Amino acid sequence: MKKIEGIIKHHRLEELKLALIGLPVGGVTVSEVRGIGRQSEKNEHYRGTDYRIDLRPKVRVEVLSDDSQWKAVVDCFLVHARTGQPGDGIVLVSELDDAIRVRTGESGPSAI
């Protein structure tokens, strides 16, 4: 099993979510996050005051997948989250040792 975690721009979430729902994934978890990547900090002027923006708002999307489907999930991120501009984000893939459904006690791929 794999855990695919993507950090993407907010405005790409809806398209990505719709595409992920079309895949055989167990579910999608979305979190609001802020962070610093390769983009440099930026200064903005609002109501007469200068603000330094160093932690940019992003969305973290987490998907659990079995070993046969994870590449399709990654491809989905690459197609539907990409704008071609700096700050598009990153996709992380990690090995998942086990998953256990709390309600039923199922474990392994059947839990996701």
C-alpha atoms as a PDB file:
ATOM      1  CA  MET A   1       0.000   0.000   0.000  1.00  0.00           C
ATOM      2  CA  LYS A   2       1.086   3.570  -0.643  1.00  0.00           C
ATOM      3  CA  LYS A   3       0.291   6.963   0.824  1.00  0.00           C
ATOM      4  CA  ILE A   4       0.279   9.717  -1.802  1.00  0.00           C
ATOM      5  CA  GLU A   5       0.453  13.205  -0.361  1.00  0.00           C
ATOM      6  CA  GLY A   6       0.275  16.311  -2.518  1.00  0.00           C
ATOM      7  CA  ILE A   7       0.754  19.949  -1.569  1.00  0.00           C
ATOM      8  CA  ILE A   8      -1.074  22.031  -4.186  1.00  0.00           C
ATOM      9  CA  LYS A   9      -2.584  25.446  -4.865  1.00  0.00           C
ATOM     10  CA  HIS A  10      -6.096  26.078  -3.535  1.00  0.00           C
ATOM     11  CA  HIS A  11      -7.662  26.815  -6.900  1.00  0.00           C
ATOM     12  CA  ARG A  12      -6.606  23.413  -8.303  1.00  0.00           C
ATOM     13  CA  LEU A  13      -8.323  21.403  -5.556  1.00  0.00           C
ATOM     14  CA  GLU A  14     -11.790  21.065  -7.098  1.00  0.00           C
ATOM     15  CA  GLU A  15     -10.513  19.724 -10.425  1.00  0.00           C
ATOM     16  CA  LEU A  16      -8.129  17.328  -8.679  1.00  0.00           C
ATOM     17  CA  LYS A  17     -10.846  16.130  -6.298  1.00  0.00           C
ATOM     18  CA  LEU A  18     -13.213  15.328  -9.161  1.00  0.00           C
ATOM     19  CA  ALA A  19     -10.481  13.431 -10.981  1.00  0.00           C
ATOM     20  CA  LEU A  20      -9.500  11.450  -7.871  1.00  0.00           C
ATOM     21  CA  ILE A  21     -13.114  10.447  -7.219  1.00  0.00           C
ATOM     22  CA  GLY A  22     -13.080   8.800 -10.664  1.00  0.00           C
ATOM     23  CA  LEU A  23     -10.223   6.526  -9.577  1.00  0.00           C
ATOM     24  CA  PRO A  24     -10.641   3.472  -7.358  1.00  0.00           C
ATOM     25  CA  VAL A  25      -9.254   5.108  -4.199  1.00  0.00           C
ATOM     26  CA  GLY A  26     -10.601   4.540  -0.710  1.00  0.00           C
ATOM     27  CA  GLY A  27     -10.932   8.216   0.093  1.00  0.00           C
ATOM     28  CA  VAL A  28      -9.360  11.638  -0.033  1.00  0.00           C
ATOM     29  CA  THR A  29      -8.304  13.754   2.952  1.00  0.00           C
ATOM     30  CA  VAL A  30      -7.812  17.504   2.510  1.00  0.00           C
ATOM     31  CA  SER A  31      -6.102  19.904   4.936  1.00  0.00           C
ATOM     32  CA  GLU A  32      -5.344  23.615   4.780  1.00  0.00           C
ATOM     33  CA  VAL A  33      -1.606  24.136   5.259  1.00  0.00           C
ATOM     34  CA  ARG A  34       0.976  26.897   4.995  1.00  0.00           C
ATOM     35  CA  GLY A  35       4.621  26.519   4.118  1.00  0.00           C
ATOM     36  CA  ILE A  36       7.774  27.585   2.362  1.00  0.00           C
ATOM     37  CA  GLY A  37       9.087  25.843  -0.717  1.00  0.00           C
ATOM     38  CA  ARG A  38      11.434  27.013  -3.425  1.00  0.00           C
ATOM     39  CA  GLN A  39       9.396  30.161  -3.945  1.00  0.00           C
ATOM     40  CA  SER A  40      10.951  33.199  -2.369  1.00  0.00           C
ATOM     41  CA  GLU A  41       9.051  35.312   0.085  1.00  0.00           C
ATOM     42  CA  LYS A  42       6.983  38.094  -1.338  1.00  0.00           C
ATOM     43  CA  ASN A  43       6.007  41.547  -0.137  1.00  0.00           C
ATOM     44  CA  GLU A  44       2.471  42.834  -0.562  1.00  0.00           C
ATOM     45  CA  HIS A  45       0.961  46.209   0.128  1.00  0.00           C
ATOM     46  CA  TYR A  46      -2.501  46.251   1.745  1.00  0.00           C
ATOM     47  CA  ARG A  47      -4.336  49.331   3.065  1.00  0.00           C
ATOM     48  CA  GLY A  48      -1.174  51.370   3.352  1.00  0.00           C
ATOM     49  CA  THR A  49       0.852  48.700   5.122  1.00  0.00           C
ATOM     50  CA  ASP A  50       3.555  46.446   3.734  1.00  0.00           C
ATOM     51  CA  TYR A  51       3.334  42.752   4.595  1.00  0.00           C
ATOM     52  CA  ARG A  52       5.941  40.072   4.075  1.00  0.00           C
ATOM     53  CA  ILE A  53       4.424  36.776   3.003  1.00  0.00           C
ATOM     54  CA  ASP A  54       6.807  33.931   3.696  1.00  0.00           C
ATOM     55  CA  LEU A  55       4.372  31.118   4.561  1.00  0.00           C
ATOM     56  CA  ARG A  56       2.175  30.567   1.543  1.00  0.00           C
ATOM     57  CA  PRO A  57      -1.276  29.015   1.910  1.00  0.00           C
ATOM     58  CA  LYS A  58      -1.637  25.632   0.209  1.00  0.00           C
ATOM     59  CA  VAL A  59      -3.800  22.524   0.394  1.00  0.00           C
ATOM     60  CA  ARG A  60      -2.531  19.092   1.404  1.00  0.00           C
ATOM     61  CA  VAL A  61      -4.357  16.211  -0.286  1.00  0.00           C
ATOM     62  CA  GLU A  62      -3.751  12.708   1.062  1.00  0.00           C
ATOM     63  CA  VAL A  63      -4.792   9.508  -0.705  1.00  0.00           C
ATOM     64  CA  LEU A  64      -4.233   5.881   0.277  1.00  0.00           C
ATOM     65  CA  SER A  65      -3.841   3.426  -2.568  1.00  0.00           C
ATOM     66  CA  ASP A  66      -3.009  -0.196  -3.155  1.00  0.00           C
ATOM     67  CA  ASP A  67       0.216  -1.045  -4.935  1.00  0.00           C
ATOM     68  CA  SER A  68      -1.441  -1.455  -8.329  1.00  0.00           C
ATOM     69  CA  GLN A  69      -3.093   2.008  -8.459  1.00  0.00           C
ATOM     70  CA  TRP A  70      -0.630   4.473  -6.944  1.00  0.00           C
ATOM     71  CA  LYS A  71       0.938   5.524 -10.261  1.00  0.00           C
ATOM     72  CA  ALA A  72      -2.508   6.464 -11.605  1.00  0.00           C
ATOM     73  CA  VAL A  73      -3.066   8.609  -8.504  1.00  0.00           C
ATOM     74  CA  VAL A  74       0.296  10.353  -8.970  1.00  0.00           C
ATOM     75  CA  ASP A  75      -0.489  10.959 -12.659  1.00  0.00           C
ATOM     76  CA  CYS A  76      -3.813  12.454 -11.594  1.00  0.00           C
ATOM     77  CA  PHE A  77      -1.965  14.944  -9.354  1.00  0.00           C
ATOM     78  CA  LEU A  78       0.496  15.816 -12.113  1.00  0.00           C
ATOM     79  CA  VAL A  79      -2.240  16.468 -14.672  1.00  0.00           C
ATOM     80  CA  HIS A  80      -4.870  18.201 -12.557  1.00  0.00           C
ATOM     81  CA  ALA A  81      -2.749  20.207 -10.087  1.00  0.00           C
ATOM     82  CA  ARG A  82      -0.224  21.599 -12.575  1.00  0.00           C
ATOM     83  CA  THR A  83      -0.463  25.220 -13.705  1.00  0.00           C
ATOM     84  CA  GLY A  84       3.081  25.530 -15.049  1.00  0.00           C
ATOM     85  CA  GLN A  85       3.798  28.390 -12.641  1.00  0.00           C
ATOM     86  CA  PRO A  86       6.141  28.422  -9.633  1.00  0.00           C
ATOM     87  CA  GLY A  87       4.476  27.106  -6.495  1.00  0.00           C
ATOM     88  CA  ASP A  88       2.495  24.279  -8.124  1.00  0.00           C
ATOM     89  CA  GLY A  89       3.519  22.070  -5.220  1.00  0.00           C
ATOM     90  CA  ILE A  90       4.933  18.617  -4.700  1.00  0.00           C
ATOM     91  CA  VAL A  91       3.731  15.009  -4.632  1.00  0.00           C
ATOM     92  CA  LEU A  92       5.184  12.631  -2.051  1.00  0.00           C
ATOM     93  CA  VAL A  93       4.807   8.850  -2.206  1.00  0.00           C
ATOM     94  CA  SER A  94       5.549   6.713   0.829  1.00  0.00           C
ATOM     95  CA  GLU A  95       5.220   3.056   1.656  1.00  0.00           C
ATOM     96  CA  LEU A  96       2.396   2.291   4.053  1.00  0.00           C
ATOM     97  CA  ASP A  97       3.047  -0.679   6.360  1.00  0.00           C
ATOM     98  CA  ASP A  98      -0.544  -1.167   7.431  1.00  0.00           C
ATOM     99  CA  ALA A  99      -3.952   0.457   7.665  1.00  0.00           C
ATOM    100  CA  ILE A 100      -6.580  -0.574  10.193  1.00  0.00           C
ATOM    101  CA  ARG A 101     -10.235   0.444   9.952  1.00  0.00           C
ATOM    102  CA  VAL A 102     -11.331   1.522  13.437  1.00  0.00           C
ATOM    103  CA  ARG A 103     -14.973   0.483  13.104  1.00  0.00           C
ATOM    104  CA  THR A 104     -14.440  -3.078  11.848  1.00  0.00           C
ATOM    105  CA  GLY A 105     -10.825  -3.893  12.705  1.00  0.00           C
ATOM    106  CA  GLU A 106     -10.079  -4.763   9.054  1.00  0.00           C
ATOM    107  CA  SER A 107      -6.435  -4.331   8.150  1.00  0.00           C
ATOM    108  CA  GLY A 108      -4.330  -4.151   5.016  1.00  0.00           C
ATOM    109  CA  PRO A 109      -5.687  -3.222   1.589  1.00  0.00           C
ATOM    110  CA  SER A 110      -9.253  -4.112   2.583  1.00  0.00           C
ATOM    111  CA  ALA A 111      -9.156  -1.313   5.183  1.00  0.00           C
ATOM    112  CA  ILE A 112      -8.641   1.344   2.553  1.00  0.00           C
END
